[in-house]
Amino acid sequence: MADLLTARLKVLIVDTLKLDDVRPEDIPDDEPLIGAGLNLDSIDALELVVTLEREFGIKISNSEQSRTALASIVKLAAFIRAHADPGRLPA
């Protein structure tokens, strides 16, 4: 069974960043999101952080925390699970 949070994150990434040539299911769980992998840049990262903060009620307070959280889908899901209100996570 697929992890609902990682599936939701992939959809958010594709929708937020308007990645028309990427399907959510094509985003690997362990590849980097920034630079290599999806080849997202700092503007993409900022847009994504704003969306994640709004969606899950989390706060990514600095660039180091952002780099850690956005390292991969798996790392992002772990960060959100650790910092989000459980009621805002996919059931």
C-alpha atoms as a PDB file:
ATOM      1  CA  MET A   1       0.000   0.000   0.000  1.00  0.00           C
ATOM      2  CA  ALA A   2       1.332   3.435  -0.903  1.00  0.00           C
ATOM      3  CA  ASP A   3       2.114   5.932   1.824  1.00  0.00           C
ATOM      4  CA  LEU A   4      -0.647   8.560   1.673  1.00  0.00           C
ATOM      5  CA  LEU A   5       1.636  11.391   2.796  1.00  0.00           C
ATOM      6  CA  THR A   6       4.323  10.733   0.198  1.00  0.00           C
ATOM      7  CA  ALA A   7       1.644  10.400  -2.490  1.00  0.00           C
ATOM      8  CA  ARG A   8       0.111  13.735  -1.385  1.00  0.00           C
ATOM      9  CA  LEU A   9       3.538  15.410  -1.393  1.00  0.00           C
ATOM     10  CA  LYS A  10       4.226  14.274  -4.941  1.00  0.00           C
ATOM     11  CA  VAL A  11       0.890  15.683  -6.137  1.00  0.00           C
ATOM     12  CA  LEU A  12       1.583  18.961  -4.305  1.00  0.00           C
ATOM     13  CA  ILE A  13       4.996  19.265  -5.941  1.00  0.00           C
ATOM     14  CA  VAL A  14       3.641  18.663  -9.442  1.00  0.00           C
ATOM     15  CA  ASP A  15       0.652  21.002  -8.925  1.00  0.00           C
ATOM     16  CA  THR A  16       2.483  23.785  -7.075  1.00  0.00           C
ATOM     17  CA  LEU A  17       5.395  23.932  -9.490  1.00  0.00           C
ATOM     18  CA  LYS A  18       3.285  23.231 -12.585  1.00  0.00           C
ATOM     19  CA  LEU A  19       5.533  20.371 -13.671  1.00  0.00           C
ATOM     20  CA  ASP A  20       3.523  19.504 -16.774  1.00  0.00           C
ATOM     21  CA  ASP A  21       6.021  16.899 -17.959  1.00  0.00           C
ATOM     22  CA  VAL A  22       6.193  15.043 -14.605  1.00  0.00           C
ATOM     23  CA  ARG A  23       3.618  12.649 -13.166  1.00  0.00           C
ATOM     24  CA  PRO A  24       3.480  12.332  -9.355  1.00  0.00           C
ATOM     25  CA  GLU A  25       4.122   8.595  -9.542  1.00  0.00           C
ATOM     26  CA  ASP A  26       7.334   9.259 -11.511  1.00  0.00           C
ATOM     27  CA  ILE A  27       8.947  11.170  -8.630  1.00  0.00           C
ATOM     28  CA  PRO A  28      11.322   8.797  -6.806  1.00  0.00           C
ATOM     29  CA  ASP A  29      11.073   8.684  -3.011  1.00  0.00           C
ATOM     30  CA  ASP A  30      14.828   8.861  -2.352  1.00  0.00           C
ATOM     31  CA  GLU A  31      16.219  11.157  -5.065  1.00  0.00           C
ATOM     32  CA  PRO A  32      17.114  14.784  -4.300  1.00  0.00           C
ATOM     33  CA  LEU A  33      14.403  17.331  -5.021  1.00  0.00           C
ATOM     34  CA  ILE A  34      16.729  20.326  -5.330  1.00  0.00           C
ATOM     35  CA  GLY A  35      19.521  20.416  -7.910  1.00  0.00           C
ATOM     36  CA  ALA A  36      19.757  16.835  -9.171  1.00  0.00           C
ATOM     37  CA  GLY A  37      16.687  14.636  -9.315  1.00  0.00           C
ATOM     38  CA  LEU A  38      13.776  16.944 -10.160  1.00  0.00           C
ATOM     39  CA  ASN A  39      16.255  19.746 -10.805  1.00  0.00           C
ATOM     40  CA  LEU A  40      14.299  22.261  -8.728  1.00  0.00           C
ATOM     41  CA  ASP A  41      15.927  25.620  -8.042  1.00  0.00           C
ATOM     42  CA  SER A  42      15.722  27.998  -5.063  1.00  0.00           C
ATOM     43  CA  ILE A  43      12.588  29.745  -6.381  1.00  0.00           C
ATOM     44  CA  ASP A  44      10.880  26.364  -6.760  1.00  0.00           C
ATOM     45  CA  ALA A  45      11.954  25.484  -3.221  1.00  0.00           C
ATOM     46  CA  LEU A  46      10.493  28.723  -1.862  1.00  0.00           C
ATOM     47  CA  GLU A  47       7.168  28.140  -3.645  1.00  0.00           C
ATOM     48  CA  LEU A  48       7.073  24.602  -2.321  1.00  0.00           C
ATOM     49  CA  VAL A  49       7.871  25.665   1.255  1.00  0.00           C
ATOM     50  CA  VAL A  50       5.020  28.210   1.210  1.00  0.00           C
ATOM     51  CA  THR A  51       2.604  25.531  -0.025  1.00  0.00           C
ATOM     52  CA  LEU A  52       3.787  22.987   2.559  1.00  0.00           C
ATOM     53  CA  GLU A  53       3.509  25.488   5.394  1.00  0.00           C
ATOM     54  CA  ARG A  54      -0.050  26.326   4.354  1.00  0.00           C
ATOM     55  CA  GLU A  55      -1.096  22.718   3.714  1.00  0.00           C
ATOM     56  CA  PHE A  56       0.335  21.126   6.858  1.00  0.00           C
ATOM     57  CA  GLY A  57       0.666  24.039   9.290  1.00  0.00           C
ATOM     58  CA  ILE A  58       4.411  23.559   9.626  1.00  0.00           C
ATOM     59  CA  LYS A  59       7.141  26.193   9.751  1.00  0.00           C
ATOM     60  CA  ILE A  60      10.403  25.795   7.870  1.00  0.00           C
ATOM     61  CA  SER A  61      12.311  28.595   9.510  1.00  0.00           C
ATOM     62  CA  ASN A  62      15.673  28.771   7.736  1.00  0.00           C
ATOM     63  CA  SER A  63      17.609  27.627   4.693  1.00  0.00           C
ATOM     64  CA  GLU A  64      19.368  24.814   6.565  1.00  0.00           C
ATOM     65  CA  GLN A  65      16.040  23.389   7.704  1.00  0.00           C
ATOM     66  CA  SER A  66      14.723  23.795   4.159  1.00  0.00           C
ATOM     67  CA  ARG A  67      17.701  21.917   2.673  1.00  0.00           C
ATOM     68  CA  THR A  68      17.207  19.095   5.187  1.00  0.00           C
ATOM     69  CA  ALA A  69      13.441  18.857   4.679  1.00  0.00           C
ATOM     70  CA  LEU A  70      13.617  19.055   0.884  1.00  0.00           C
ATOM     71  CA  ALA A  71      16.421  16.504   0.537  1.00  0.00           C
ATOM     72  CA  SER A  72      13.962  13.902  -0.834  1.00  0.00           C
ATOM     73  CA  ILE A  73      10.321  12.877  -0.611  1.00  0.00           C
ATOM     74  CA  VAL A  74      11.181  10.478   2.228  1.00  0.00           C
ATOM     75  CA  LYS A  75      13.000  13.215   4.190  1.00  0.00           C
ATOM     76  CA  LEU A  76      10.178  15.676   3.536  1.00  0.00           C
ATOM     77  CA  ALA A  77       7.547  13.215   4.756  1.00  0.00           C
ATOM     78  CA  ALA A  78       9.572  12.551   7.922  1.00  0.00           C
ATOM     79  CA  PHE A  79       9.957  16.296   8.557  1.00  0.00           C
ATOM     80  CA  ILE A  80       6.228  16.868   8.128  1.00  0.00           C
ATOM     81  CA  ARG A  81       5.320  13.947  10.379  1.00  0.00           C
ATOM     82  CA  ALA A  82       7.628  15.338  13.066  1.00  0.00           C
ATOM     83  CA  HIS A  83       6.346  18.932  12.868  1.00  0.00           C
ATOM     84  CA  ALA A  84       2.761  18.923  11.583  1.00  0.00           C
ATOM     85  CA  ASP A  85      -0.477  18.750  13.496  1.00  0.00           C
ATOM     86  CA  PRO A  86      -1.492  15.081  13.086  1.00  0.00           C
ATOM     87  CA  GLY A  87      -4.996  16.202  12.123  1.00  0.00           C
ATOM     88  CA  ARG A  88      -3.609  17.822   8.966  1.00  0.00           C
ATOM     89  CA  LEU A  89      -1.900  14.662   7.720  1.00  0.00           C
ATOM     90  CA  PRO A  90      -3.638  12.476   5.111  1.00  0.00           C
ATOM     91  CA  ALA A  91      -5.637   9.700   6.760  1.00  0.00           C
END
